């Protein structure tokens, strides 16, 4: 004898599937956001490696770059125009979580203009001269990452990158 599902059993099964989906979708989105943030950090490290190659080619001096540009049409020495030959892929200039800024301006990251033309051996940023990694070199233009603490990725002079509080969005 074959037994079929009753309407009640079918409704219970559908309800269980709906509850599981309601739990799974936010978790999947969370992990997808975390993967994009990690990709952004990887891109910053690749830009840091490209910057090291640039510095080696220019006798230990940082480039003279603008903070950024308004559009791709603007001719300016910025991260994506000066470091492009030192980075393996154009994708490194765009944070995976950035859906608009890199396409319009060429990069998702801004440059610390206070470091323009400085010798790497004697970097000075607002009186910070130590070599312990407290001098920011470049970072996210905006808080692309869904982070309740308003954090952005920043690359430091010693080559490490980390998430830091974005004071502009955090206010």
Foldseek 3Di string as FASTA:
>chain_A
DDDDDDPVNVVVVVVVVVVVCVVPPVVVVVVVLVVLQVQLQVLVLLLLQLQVVVCVVVVQWGAQFAQFDQFPVDDGRFSCVPSVVSGDDLCSQERSLDDPDCNGTVHQKTADNQRHGPGLQQGADPNDGDPPFPAWGMWGPAQSGPDPQQWTWTATSNSHIDTDRDVVVND
